[in-house]
N, C-alpha and C. Protein backbone atom coordinates (compact mmCIF):
# COMPACT_ATOMS: atom_id res chain seq x y z
N MET A 1 7.88 18.52 83.41
CA MET A 1 9.05 18.23 82.72
C MET A 1 9.59 19.93 83.03
N PRO A 2 11.17 20.20 83.41
CA PRO A 2 12.15 20.98 83.44
C PRO A 2 12.18 21.95 82.27
N PRO A 3 12.53 23.39 82.29
CA PRO A 3 12.72 23.45 81.21
C PRO A 3 14.04 23.11 80.43
N ARG A 4 13.38 22.81 78.63
CA ARG A 4 14.87 22.59 78.15
C ARG A 4 15.33 23.44 77.79
N PRO A 5 16.41 23.36 77.66
CA PRO A 5 18.05 24.18 77.30
C PRO A 5 17.48 24.97 75.94
N GLY A 6 17.69 26.31 76.29
CA GLY A 6 17.56 27.26 75.35
C GLY A 6 15.91 27.67 75.66
N GLU A 7 15.02 27.22 76.10
CA GLU A 7 14.21 28.10 76.85
C GLU A 7 13.72 28.85 77.77
N GLU A 8 14.64 29.15 78.34
CA GLU A 8 15.18 30.62 79.09
C GLU A 8 15.54 31.06 78.78
N GLY A 9 15.66 32.70 78.55
CA GLY A 9 15.99 33.64 77.97
C GLY A 9 16.25 33.63 76.48
N ASP A 10 17.04 33.38 75.57
CA ASP A 10 17.32 33.53 74.56
C ASP A 10 16.72 31.25 73.64
N ASN A 11 15.84 31.25 72.90
CA ASN A 11 15.17 30.37 72.60
C ASN A 11 15.58 29.93 71.32
N PRO A 12 15.89 29.11 71.35
CA PRO A 12 16.23 28.56 69.72
C PRO A 12 14.71 27.87 69.37
N PHE A 13 14.25 27.50 70.47
CA PHE A 13 12.88 26.47 69.69
C PHE A 13 11.91 27.59 69.34
N ASP A 14 11.54 28.80 68.48
CA ASP A 14 10.96 29.39 68.31
C ASP A 14 10.02 29.20 67.31
N ASP A 15 8.66 29.62 66.56
CA ASP A 15 7.92 29.46 65.89
C ASP A 15 8.23 28.58 64.48
N LYS A 16 9.15 29.51 64.16
CA LYS A 16 10.00 29.18 62.74
C LYS A 16 10.33 28.41 62.97
N ALA A 17 11.39 27.65 63.71
CA ALA A 17 12.14 26.84 63.96
C ALA A 17 11.39 25.14 64.17
N ILE A 18 10.24 25.59 65.29
CA ILE A 18 9.28 24.06 65.54
C ILE A 18 8.54 24.18 64.06
N GLU A 19 8.03 24.63 62.57
CA GLU A 19 7.12 24.75 61.86
C GLU A 19 8.45 24.00 60.85
N LYS A 20 9.70 24.71 60.78
CA LYS A 20 10.49 23.96 59.95
C LYS A 20 10.83 22.40 60.47
N GLY A 21 10.97 21.98 61.56
CA GLY A 21 11.39 20.65 61.91
C GLY A 21 9.96 19.69 61.41
N ARG A 22 8.29 20.84 61.52
CA ARG A 22 7.23 19.84 61.53
C ARG A 22 7.30 19.85 59.73
N HIS A 23 8.15 20.73 59.06
CA HIS A 23 7.56 20.28 57.73
C HIS A 23 8.65 19.26 57.18
N LEU A 24 9.89 19.03 57.51
CA LEU A 24 11.09 18.22 57.36
C LEU A 24 10.53 16.30 57.89
N PHE A 25 10.05 16.56 59.30
CA PHE A 25 9.74 15.36 59.37
C PHE A 25 7.88 14.99 58.70
N ALA A 26 7.76 15.98 58.29
CA ALA A 26 6.55 15.84 57.11
C ALA A 26 6.28 14.83 55.55
N GLN A 27 8.05 14.95 55.57
CA GLN A 27 8.06 14.32 54.26
C GLN A 27 8.14 12.58 54.60
N ALA A 28 8.27 12.16 53.49
CA ALA A 28 8.16 10.54 53.27
C ALA A 28 9.54 10.41 54.16
N CYS A 29 9.60 8.69 54.71
CA CYS A 29 10.25 8.79 55.79
C CYS A 29 10.11 7.33 54.87
N THR A 30 11.81 6.75 54.44
CA THR A 30 11.44 5.13 53.39
C THR A 30 12.92 4.25 53.86
N PHE A 31 13.16 3.55 54.45
CA PHE A 31 14.06 2.53 54.62
C PHE A 31 15.25 2.11 53.37
N MET A 32 16.39 2.90 53.78
CA MET A 32 17.06 2.67 52.58
C MET A 32 17.89 1.21 52.60
N ARG A 33 18.50 0.92 53.32
CA ARG A 33 19.04 -0.46 53.74
C ARG A 33 19.79 -0.76 54.76
N GLY A 34 20.04 -1.86 55.57
CA GLY A 34 20.54 -2.26 56.78
C GLY A 34 22.30 -2.45 56.27
N VAL A 35 22.90 -2.14 57.41
CA VAL A 35 24.47 -2.06 56.41
C VAL A 35 25.38 -3.23 57.81
N ALA A 36 25.84 -4.28 57.56
CA ALA A 36 26.56 -4.75 58.36
C ALA A 36 27.88 -4.64 58.25
N SER A 37 28.34 -4.37 56.99
CA SER A 37 29.81 -4.12 56.94
C SER A 37 29.85 -3.35 55.61
N PRO A 38 31.12 -2.10 56.37
CA PRO A 38 31.16 -0.81 55.81
C PRO A 38 31.36 -0.88 53.93
N ASP A 39 31.47 -1.97 53.34
CA ASP A 39 31.37 -1.66 51.97
C ASP A 39 29.65 -1.34 51.34
N GLN A 40 28.84 -2.00 52.42
CA GLN A 40 27.56 -1.72 51.90
C GLN A 40 27.18 -0.41 52.22
N PHE A 41 28.07 0.32 53.19
CA PHE A 41 27.26 2.00 53.68
C PHE A 41 26.75 2.76 52.01
N PRO A 42 25.57 3.34 52.48
CA PRO A 42 25.30 3.83 50.97
C PRO A 42 25.85 5.17 50.78
N GLU A 43 26.16 5.32 49.58
CA GLU A 43 27.51 6.16 48.81
C GLU A 43 26.49 8.20 48.93
N THR A 44 26.07 9.01 49.32
CA THR A 44 25.11 10.20 49.00
C THR A 44 25.74 10.75 49.79
N ASP A 45 25.66 12.37 49.25
CA ASP A 45 25.52 13.71 49.93
C ASP A 45 24.92 14.20 50.63
N THR A 46 23.65 13.89 51.01
CA THR A 46 22.47 13.90 51.82
C THR A 46 23.07 14.14 53.62
N THR A 47 22.89 15.51 54.25
CA THR A 47 22.90 15.74 55.62
C THR A 47 22.65 14.35 55.98
N GLU A 48 23.63 13.82 57.23
CA GLU A 48 23.02 12.78 58.06
C GLU A 48 23.51 13.30 59.41
N THR A 49 22.89 12.67 60.02
CA THR A 49 22.38 11.73 61.80
C THR A 49 22.53 10.65 62.30
N SER A 50 23.06 10.41 63.32
CA SER A 50 22.66 9.50 63.66
C SER A 50 22.10 9.07 64.74
N PHE A 51 21.62 7.91 65.36
CA PHE A 51 20.97 8.03 66.68
C PHE A 51 21.82 6.60 67.44
N ALA A 52 22.20 6.79 68.56
CA ALA A 52 22.96 5.84 69.52
C ALA A 52 22.45 5.65 70.86
N GLY A 53 22.64 4.89 71.16
CA GLY A 53 22.17 4.74 72.46
C GLY A 53 21.97 2.94 73.34
N ARG A 54 22.21 2.97 74.20
CA ARG A 54 22.13 1.44 74.96
C ARG A 54 20.84 0.69 74.61
N SER A 55 20.62 -0.71 74.39
CA SER A 55 20.08 -1.20 74.29
C SER A 55 18.70 -0.95 75.37
N ASN A 56 17.71 -1.03 74.73
CA ASN A 56 16.13 -0.83 75.41
C ASN A 56 15.95 0.63 76.08
N VAL A 57 17.07 1.45 75.26
CA VAL A 57 17.01 3.12 75.39
C VAL A 57 15.98 3.67 74.91
N GLY A 58 14.92 2.62 73.88
CA GLY A 58 13.84 3.47 73.32
C GLY A 58 14.16 4.26 72.13
N LYS A 59 15.14 3.77 71.36
CA LYS A 59 15.62 4.30 69.86
C LYS A 59 14.87 4.20 69.12
N SER A 60 14.57 3.03 69.19
CA SER A 60 13.61 2.87 67.68
C SER A 60 12.01 3.66 68.22
N SER A 61 11.30 3.39 69.41
CA SER A 61 10.36 4.36 69.59
C SER A 61 10.59 5.65 69.20
N LEU A 62 11.88 6.38 69.81
CA LEU A 62 12.12 8.04 69.22
C LEU A 62 12.05 8.10 67.85
N ILE A 63 12.76 7.14 66.74
CA ILE A 63 12.36 7.15 65.57
C ILE A 63 11.08 7.19 65.25
N ASN A 64 10.27 6.28 65.44
CA ASN A 64 9.11 5.72 64.78
C ASN A 64 8.18 7.98 65.60
N ALA A 65 8.57 8.34 66.58
CA ALA A 65 7.52 8.84 66.96
C ALA A 65 7.94 10.11 66.58
N LEU A 66 9.03 10.26 66.22
CA LEU A 66 10.11 11.72 65.30
C LEU A 66 9.59 11.33 63.57
N THR A 67 9.07 10.55 62.76
CA THR A 67 8.91 10.43 61.55
C THR A 67 7.44 10.22 61.76
N GLY A 68 6.57 9.85 62.51
CA GLY A 68 5.27 9.42 62.36
C GLY A 68 4.97 8.30 62.11
N HIS A 69 5.68 7.23 61.88
CA HIS A 69 5.80 5.74 61.16
C HIS A 69 5.72 4.92 62.92
N ARG A 70 4.61 3.77 63.48
CA ARG A 70 4.59 3.06 64.27
C ARG A 70 5.72 2.20 64.25
N SER A 71 6.18 1.94 62.99
CA SER A 71 6.92 0.81 62.55
C SER A 71 8.00 0.78 61.33
N LEU A 72 8.52 2.11 61.88
CA LEU A 72 9.40 2.37 60.62
C LEU A 72 10.80 1.58 61.23
N ALA A 73 10.69 2.05 62.37
CA ALA A 73 12.27 1.33 62.71
C ALA A 73 11.58 0.14 63.98
N ARG A 74 12.09 -0.90 63.94
CA ARG A 74 11.45 -2.23 64.83
C ARG A 74 11.73 -1.64 66.17
N THR A 75 11.02 -1.99 66.95
CA THR A 75 10.99 -2.28 68.50
C THR A 75 10.84 -3.14 69.04
N SER A 76 11.39 -3.98 70.00
CA SER A 76 11.25 -5.17 70.33
C SER A 76 11.48 -4.74 72.23
N ASN A 77 11.39 -5.86 72.49
CA ASN A 77 11.61 -6.06 74.08
C ASN A 77 12.57 -6.59 74.45
N THR A 78 13.70 -7.43 73.06
CA THR A 78 14.31 -8.13 73.41
C THR A 78 15.67 -7.29 73.23
N PRO A 79 16.62 -6.84 74.04
CA PRO A 79 17.66 -5.85 74.11
C PRO A 79 18.98 -6.66 72.87
N GLY A 80 19.32 -5.47 71.81
CA GLY A 80 20.24 -6.56 71.33
C GLY A 80 19.84 -6.66 69.83
N ARG A 81 18.74 -6.44 69.43
CA ARG A 81 18.16 -7.17 68.62
C ARG A 81 18.72 -6.18 67.08
N THR A 82 18.69 -4.90 67.16
CA THR A 82 19.22 -4.52 65.77
C THR A 82 20.69 -4.86 66.36
N ARG A 83 21.40 -5.22 64.73
CA ARG A 83 22.61 -5.78 64.83
C ARG A 83 23.34 -5.41 63.64
N GLN A 84 22.73 -4.22 62.88
CA GLN A 84 23.18 -3.63 61.93
C GLN A 84 23.30 -2.21 61.64
N ILE A 85 23.57 -1.37 61.20
CA ILE A 85 22.95 -0.09 61.07
C ILE A 85 21.53 0.55 59.69
N ASN A 86 21.06 1.09 60.16
CA ASN A 86 19.51 1.15 59.42
C ASN A 86 19.41 2.24 58.75
N PHE A 87 19.68 2.33 57.92
CA PHE A 87 19.61 3.97 56.75
C PHE A 87 18.19 4.61 56.50
N PHE A 88 17.64 5.58 56.75
CA PHE A 88 16.24 6.12 56.16
C PHE A 88 16.53 6.82 56.02
N ASP A 89 15.61 7.47 54.58
CA ASP A 89 15.91 8.59 53.59
C ASP A 89 14.60 9.17 54.22
N LEU A 90 15.48 11.03 54.76
CA LEU A 90 13.80 11.59 54.95
C LEU A 90 13.68 12.85 53.76
N GLY A 91 13.02 12.43 53.14
CA GLY A 91 12.48 13.75 51.72
C GLY A 91 13.50 13.89 50.66
N ALA A 92 14.60 12.82 51.43
CA ALA A 92 15.89 13.24 50.16
C ALA A 92 16.70 14.75 50.93
N MET A 93 16.57 14.86 52.37
CA MET A 93 16.68 15.89 53.14
C MET A 93 17.90 15.74 54.26
N LEU A 94 17.43 14.25 54.61
CA LEU A 94 18.15 14.12 55.82
C LEU A 94 18.43 12.82 55.50
N ILE A 95 19.55 12.16 55.70
CA ILE A 95 19.55 10.46 56.07
C ILE A 95 19.53 10.07 57.88
N LEU A 96 18.74 9.51 58.27
CA LEU A 96 18.40 8.54 59.65
C LEU A 96 19.18 7.60 59.69
N ALA A 97 20.37 7.40 60.95
CA ALA A 97 21.29 6.24 60.20
C ALA A 97 21.09 5.67 62.21
N ASP A 98 20.33 4.74 62.28
CA ASP A 98 20.07 3.54 63.57
C ASP A 98 21.37 3.03 63.62
N LEU A 99 21.74 3.38 64.88
CA LEU A 99 23.20 2.71 65.06
C LEU A 99 22.39 1.23 66.04
N PRO A 100 23.48 0.05 66.23
CA PRO A 100 23.12 -1.00 67.17
C PRO A 100 23.08 -0.75 68.49
N GLY A 101 21.93 -1.15 69.28
CA GLY A 101 22.09 -0.35 70.76
C GLY A 101 23.29 -1.72 71.36
N TYR A 102 23.78 -0.94 72.09
CA TYR A 102 25.11 -1.64 72.61
C TYR A 102 24.75 -1.76 74.38
N GLY A 103 25.90 -2.33 75.27
CA GLY A 103 25.26 -2.67 76.65
C GLY A 103 24.71 -3.75 76.94
N TYR A 104 24.31 -4.51 75.60
CA TYR A 104 23.43 -5.63 75.65
C TYR A 104 24.69 -7.23 76.80
N ALA A 105 24.40 -6.78 77.91
CA ALA A 105 25.46 -7.90 78.53
C ALA A 105 25.34 -9.36 78.23
N ARG A 106 24.08 -9.93 77.42
CA ARG A 106 24.14 -11.01 77.05
C ARG A 106 24.90 -11.51 75.62
N ALA A 107 24.81 -10.38 74.72
CA ALA A 107 25.76 -10.42 73.54
C ALA A 107 26.71 -11.05 73.65
N SER A 108 27.08 -11.73 72.37
CA SER A 108 28.38 -12.28 72.36
C SER A 108 29.34 -11.44 72.38
N LYS A 109 30.82 -11.91 72.62
CA LYS A 109 32.07 -10.93 72.89
C LYS A 109 32.50 -11.23 70.62
N VAL A 110 31.88 -12.03 70.28
CA VAL A 110 31.95 -11.73 68.86
C VAL A 110 30.99 -10.86 68.22
N ASP A 111 29.79 -10.67 68.49
CA ASP A 111 29.15 -9.46 68.26
C ASP A 111 29.11 -8.50 68.74
N ILE A 112 29.58 -8.29 70.06
CA ILE A 112 30.43 -7.47 70.78
C ILE A 112 31.07 -6.22 70.07
N ALA A 113 32.12 -7.43 69.80
CA ALA A 113 33.33 -6.91 68.32
C ALA A 113 33.09 -6.54 67.07
N ALA A 114 32.21 -7.07 66.84
CA ALA A 114 31.83 -7.03 65.12
C ALA A 114 30.86 -5.62 65.53
N TRP A 115 29.95 -5.03 66.36
CA TRP A 115 29.38 -3.99 66.42
C TRP A 115 30.03 -2.91 66.43
N THR A 116 30.57 -2.94 67.05
CA THR A 116 31.66 -2.39 67.45
C THR A 116 32.68 -1.85 66.69
N ALA A 117 33.11 -2.56 65.53
CA ALA A 117 34.34 -2.28 64.52
C ALA A 117 33.38 -1.59 63.58
N LEU A 118 32.26 -2.12 63.48
CA LEU A 118 31.32 -1.51 62.21
C LEU A 118 31.09 0.32 62.60
N VAL A 119 30.43 0.58 64.02
CA VAL A 119 30.55 1.76 64.09
C VAL A 119 31.49 2.77 64.24
N ASN A 120 32.26 2.11 64.99
CA ASN A 120 33.41 2.71 64.79
C ASN A 120 34.02 2.82 62.89
N ILE A 121 34.03 2.45 62.23
CA ILE A 121 34.20 2.70 60.81
C ILE A 121 33.43 3.75 60.21
N TYR A 122 32.64 3.63 60.65
CA TYR A 122 31.11 4.70 60.36
C TYR A 122 31.54 5.77 60.49
N LEU A 123 31.43 5.94 62.43
CA LEU A 123 32.03 7.18 63.00
C LEU A 123 32.72 7.48 61.91
N GLN A 124 34.68 7.41 61.98
CA GLN A 124 35.42 7.37 61.72
C GLN A 124 35.41 8.07 60.22
N GLY A 125 34.53 7.60 59.61
CA GLY A 125 34.93 7.76 58.03
C GLY A 125 33.71 8.46 57.15
N ARG A 126 32.70 8.57 57.69
CA ARG A 126 31.14 9.09 57.20
C ARG A 126 31.20 10.90 57.49
N ALA A 127 32.06 11.53 56.54
CA ALA A 127 31.89 12.63 55.86
C ALA A 127 30.37 13.56 56.18
N SER A 128 29.64 12.52 55.70
CA SER A 128 28.01 13.46 55.18
C SER A 128 27.59 13.71 56.77
N LEU A 129 27.97 12.92 58.22
CA LEU A 129 27.36 13.01 59.40
C LEU A 129 27.73 14.14 60.12
N ARG A 130 26.44 14.88 60.23
CA ARG A 130 26.51 16.35 60.88
C ARG A 130 26.88 16.74 62.31
N ARG A 131 25.89 15.54 62.84
CA ARG A 131 25.99 14.95 64.65
C ARG A 131 25.07 13.87 64.56
N ALA A 132 25.68 13.23 65.88
CA ALA A 132 25.20 11.65 66.14
C ALA A 132 24.02 12.36 67.54
N MET A 133 23.44 12.06 67.44
CA MET A 133 22.48 12.16 68.81
C MET A 133 22.55 10.94 69.53
N LEU A 134 23.32 10.99 70.92
CA LEU A 134 23.69 10.23 72.07
C LEU A 134 21.76 10.03 72.58
N LEU A 135 21.46 8.72 72.68
CA LEU A 135 20.33 8.33 73.45
C LEU A 135 20.31 7.91 75.27
N ILE A 136 20.25 8.57 76.58
CA ILE A 136 20.41 8.21 77.65
C ILE A 136 19.43 7.99 78.01
N ASP A 137 18.43 7.04 78.59
CA ASP A 137 17.53 7.00 79.17
C ASP A 137 17.36 7.47 80.69
N ALA A 138 16.33 8.66 80.32
CA ALA A 138 16.21 9.84 81.68
C ALA A 138 16.24 9.33 83.27
N ARG A 139 15.53 7.98 83.27
CA ARG A 139 15.49 7.38 84.79
C ARG A 139 17.19 6.76 84.97
N HIS A 140 18.14 6.84 84.08
CA HIS A 140 19.20 6.21 84.88
C HIS A 140 20.27 7.45 84.43
N GLY A 141 20.09 7.92 83.27
CA GLY A 141 21.83 9.10 83.29
C GLY A 141 22.80 8.26 82.45
N ILE A 142 23.63 8.44 82.42
CA ILE A 142 25.19 8.90 81.40
C ILE A 142 25.82 6.76 82.25
N LYS A 143 25.67 6.18 81.89
CA LYS A 143 26.30 4.68 82.31
C LYS A 143 27.56 4.35 81.63
N ASP A 144 28.18 3.63 82.13
CA ASP A 144 29.54 3.35 81.57
C ASP A 144 29.73 2.66 79.78
N PRO A 145 28.62 2.07 79.78
CA PRO A 145 28.90 1.81 78.17
C PRO A 145 28.87 3.34 77.76
N ASP A 146 27.53 4.28 78.11
CA ASP A 146 27.67 5.29 77.29
C ASP A 146 28.89 6.33 77.09
N ARG A 147 29.49 6.20 78.30
CA ARG A 147 31.28 6.37 78.45
C ARG A 147 31.78 6.10 77.74
N LYS A 148 31.74 4.92 76.97
CA LYS A 148 32.70 4.21 75.86
C LYS A 148 32.34 4.83 75.16
N VAL A 149 31.25 4.80 74.87
CA VAL A 149 30.87 5.95 73.09
C VAL A 149 30.90 7.03 73.20
N MET A 150 30.83 7.96 74.14
CA MET A 150 31.10 8.63 74.24
C MET A 150 32.62 9.19 73.73
N ALA A 151 33.62 8.35 74.77
CA ALA A 151 34.93 8.41 74.06
C ALA A 151 35.14 8.29 72.87
N MET A 152 34.69 7.16 72.66
CA MET A 152 34.75 7.08 70.98
C MET A 152 34.34 8.37 69.66
N LEU A 153 32.97 8.39 70.43
CA LEU A 153 33.24 9.33 70.12
C LEU A 153 33.89 11.37 69.53
N ASP A 154 34.81 11.72 70.75
CA ASP A 154 35.47 11.85 71.12
C ASP A 154 36.71 12.26 70.45
N GLU A 155 37.11 10.68 70.39
CA GLU A 155 38.19 10.57 69.55
C GLU A 155 38.20 10.59 67.75
N ALA A 156 36.69 10.05 67.71
CA ALA A 156 36.61 9.99 66.31
C ALA A 156 36.19 11.67 65.54
N ALA A 157 35.92 12.62 66.70
CA ALA A 157 35.52 14.17 66.46
C ALA A 157 34.36 14.46 66.00
N VAL A 158 33.42 13.43 66.32
CA VAL A 158 32.45 13.75 65.47
C VAL A 158 31.12 14.25 66.52
N THR A 159 30.40 15.21 66.58
CA THR A 159 29.98 16.37 67.61
C THR A 159 28.38 15.23 67.58
N TYR A 160 28.15 15.10 69.09
CA TYR A 160 26.94 14.31 69.40
C TYR A 160 26.39 15.30 70.85
N GLN A 161 24.82 14.91 70.56
CA GLN A 161 23.79 15.52 71.24
C GLN A 161 23.32 14.63 71.96
N VAL A 162 23.27 14.84 73.77
CA VAL A 162 22.83 14.07 74.34
C VAL A 162 21.01 14.10 74.79
N VAL A 163 20.23 13.23 74.06
CA VAL A 163 18.16 13.09 74.13
C VAL A 163 18.62 12.24 75.25
N LEU A 164 17.64 13.03 76.36
CA LEU A 164 17.25 11.88 77.33
C LEU A 164 15.93 11.89 76.88
N THR A 165 15.89 10.34 76.98
CA THR A 165 14.54 9.48 76.33
C THR A 165 13.35 9.25 77.49
N GLN A 166 12.50 8.66 77.04
CA GLN A 166 11.55 8.39 78.59
C GLN A 166 11.27 8.78 79.59
N ALA A 167 11.10 10.71 79.16
CA ALA A 167 11.74 12.01 80.29
C ALA A 167 10.45 12.10 81.05
N ASP A 168 9.08 10.84 80.76
CA ASP A 168 7.62 11.28 81.38
C ASP A 168 7.58 10.07 82.55
N LYS A 169 8.47 9.08 82.78
CA LYS A 169 8.52 8.09 83.95
C LYS A 169 9.44 8.43 85.07
N GLU A 170 9.97 9.84 84.61
CA GLU A 170 10.72 10.47 85.88
C GLU A 170 10.11 11.24 86.17
N LYS A 171 10.28 11.42 87.75
CA LYS A 171 9.65 13.04 88.51
C LYS A 171 10.62 14.16 88.24
N THR A 172 9.96 15.36 87.81
CA THR A 172 10.66 16.32 87.91
C THR A 172 11.30 17.20 88.32
N GLY A 173 11.75 16.91 89.48
CA GLY A 173 12.78 17.42 90.38
C GLY A 173 13.68 16.33 90.26
N ILE A 174 13.72 15.49 90.10
CA ILE A 174 14.63 13.98 89.98
C ILE A 174 15.33 14.77 88.65
N LEU A 175 14.50 14.60 87.61
CA LEU A 175 14.86 14.82 86.29
C LEU A 175 15.60 16.05 86.23
N ALA A 176 15.26 17.02 86.77
CA ALA A 176 16.05 18.32 86.85
C ALA A 176 17.60 17.99 87.32
N ALA A 177 17.72 17.59 88.70
CA ALA A 177 19.02 17.47 89.17
C ALA A 177 19.80 16.31 88.09
N ARG A 178 18.82 15.37 87.49
CA ARG A 178 20.00 14.60 86.49
C ARG A 178 20.68 15.44 85.36
N ILE A 179 19.49 16.14 84.89
CA ILE A 179 20.32 17.07 83.75
C ILE A 179 21.09 17.81 84.05
N GLU A 180 21.25 17.75 85.24
CA GLU A 180 21.96 19.27 85.84
C GLU A 180 24.12 18.01 85.64
N VAL A 181 23.59 16.60 86.46
CA VAL A 181 24.91 16.10 86.66
C VAL A 181 25.29 15.22 84.96
N VAL A 182 24.45 15.54 84.01
CA VAL A 182 24.81 15.01 82.73
C VAL A 182 25.37 16.01 81.74
N LYS A 183 24.99 17.37 82.69
CA LYS A 183 25.47 18.81 81.94
C LYS A 183 26.92 18.88 82.02
N LYS A 184 26.73 18.75 83.48
CA LYS A 184 28.11 18.48 84.30
C LYS A 184 29.35 17.79 83.40
N GLU A 185 29.09 16.46 83.86
CA GLU A 185 29.52 15.58 82.44
C GLU A 185 30.10 15.66 81.30
N LEU A 186 29.17 16.33 80.25
CA LEU A 186 29.37 16.46 79.33
C LEU A 186 30.77 17.73 78.94
N ALA A 187 30.38 18.02 80.02
CA ALA A 187 30.97 19.60 79.74
C ALA A 187 33.38 19.02 79.29
N GLY A 188 33.53 17.82 79.84
CA GLY A 188 34.76 17.19 80.32
C GLY A 188 34.93 16.58 78.35
N HIS A 189 33.88 16.45 77.78
CA HIS A 189 33.99 15.99 76.31
C HIS A 189 34.10 17.17 75.47
N PRO A 190 34.82 17.17 74.65
CA PRO A 190 35.08 18.43 73.68
C PRO A 190 34.28 18.00 72.22
N ALA A 191 34.05 16.71 72.05
CA ALA A 191 32.65 16.31 71.06
C ALA A 191 31.46 17.24 71.26
N ALA A 192 31.08 16.94 72.76
CA ALA A 192 29.34 16.88 73.05
C ALA A 192 29.11 18.19 73.00
N TYR A 193 27.87 18.38 72.58
CA TYR A 193 27.22 19.35 72.15
C TYR A 193 26.53 19.84 73.64
N PRO A 194 26.82 20.97 73.92
CA PRO A 194 26.10 21.21 74.94
C PRO A 194 25.11 21.20 75.75
N ASP A 195 23.94 21.42 74.22
CA ASP A 195 22.11 21.18 75.15
C ASP A 195 21.62 19.92 75.17
N ILE A 196 21.10 19.86 76.15
CA ILE A 196 20.42 18.74 76.22
C ILE A 196 18.75 18.69 75.82
N LEU A 197 18.37 17.56 75.50
CA LEU A 197 16.72 17.85 74.98
C LEU A 197 16.61 16.62 76.15
N CYS A 198 15.02 16.44 76.03
CA CYS A 198 14.21 15.67 76.79
C CYS A 198 13.08 15.25 76.22
N THR A 199 12.68 14.06 76.16
CA THR A 199 11.82 13.70 75.48
C THR A 199 11.23 12.66 75.60
N SER A 200 9.57 12.08 74.98
CA SER A 200 8.67 10.87 75.55
C SER A 200 8.63 10.52 74.33
N ALA A 201 9.06 9.78 73.22
CA ALA A 201 8.02 8.73 72.50
C ALA A 201 6.37 8.56 72.94
N ARG A 202 6.09 8.53 74.08
CA ARG A 202 5.19 8.09 74.98
C ARG A 202 4.22 9.04 74.59
N THR A 203 4.60 10.27 75.03
CA THR A 203 3.86 11.26 75.02
C THR A 203 3.72 12.20 74.19
N GLY A 204 4.98 12.26 73.75
CA GLY A 204 5.19 12.79 72.46
C GLY A 204 6.14 14.38 72.46
N ALA A 205 6.48 14.85 74.00
CA ALA A 205 7.45 15.75 74.85
C ALA A 205 8.12 16.14 74.04
N GLY A 206 9.10 16.99 74.02
CA GLY A 206 9.95 16.68 73.10
C GLY A 206 10.18 16.92 71.86
N ILE A 207 9.48 15.97 71.56
CA ILE A 207 9.49 15.71 69.58
C ILE A 207 9.58 17.03 69.01
N PRO A 208 8.83 17.95 69.22
CA PRO A 208 8.93 19.10 68.26
C PRO A 208 10.63 19.59 68.11
N GLU A 209 10.54 19.75 69.39
CA GLU A 209 11.98 20.65 69.75
C GLU A 209 13.33 19.61 69.13
N LEU A 210 13.45 18.27 69.13
CA LEU A 210 13.79 17.42 68.32
C LEU A 210 13.89 17.63 66.93
N ARG A 211 13.12 17.65 66.14
CA ARG A 211 12.66 18.05 64.94
C ARG A 211 12.82 19.39 64.48
N ALA A 212 12.87 20.01 65.52
CA ALA A 212 13.38 21.54 64.84
C ALA A 212 15.34 21.29 64.90
N THR A 213 15.78 20.67 66.18
CA THR A 213 17.07 20.88 65.97
C THR A 213 18.24 19.82 65.30
N LEU A 214 16.63 18.95 64.10
CA LEU A 214 17.75 17.51 63.19
C LEU A 214 17.30 19.11 61.81
N ALA A 215 16.01 20.03 61.60
CA ALA A 215 15.91 20.42 60.89
C ALA A 215 17.18 21.52 60.75
N ALA A 216 17.77 21.29 61.56
CA ALA A 216 18.61 22.68 61.42
C ALA A 216 19.91 22.40 60.82
N LEU A 217 20.07 21.21 60.96
CA LEU A 217 21.67 20.51 60.72
C LEU A 217 20.62 20.00 58.95
N ALA A 218 19.79 20.05 58.31
CA ALA A 218 19.44 19.24 57.31
C ALA A 218 19.47 20.80 55.99
N ALA A 219 19.69 20.44 54.86
CA ALA A 219 20.14 21.08 53.91
C ALA A 219 18.82 20.99 53.24
N PHE A 220 18.09 22.61 53.76
CA PHE A 220 17.19 23.07 52.99
C PHE A 220 16.15 24.15 53.44
């Protein structure tokens, strides 16, 4: 796997940062609620991060790997299974919001419109949201459905960071080239955080660095 951003020269993932991430995700992570309408959003002052990505990008698997739970976030071979925003409380230090997967071609127009409206309202009005994590399949790179979400995040002025998933399934040279392509595209988006993280829920690669990134956002 190619070097992650920050590994060359100034390294933000030093031992202290990695340990802080480990400590945060050693806390109990509990399901708060599933939200299908804006009036159900939990009222909290706790720092929040959200996870967005195309259907079958491996979002649930990544959340489970982060938290060390096999079934905290439900995984399924059926795209578009998550139809609400699921909130999880991580030791009262950080809230994780699992957004509905997008880009599922077989979803009805009514469902797509409902999910889009819900996520739009969430992104535009969630004061506690520090950063959205945008999950992109490392094998495919940024696709048009991702670009629509990126435009939504830019418009809402919500800082987002790309996390490449399933990086273990791509050859090292191809992965390195894909990272450069993604970097160039992100440069044109005002709300995009420049650093890209590469992860694999299956092997655990990049999980300590992602934990450290999220711990830096949390208030502890």
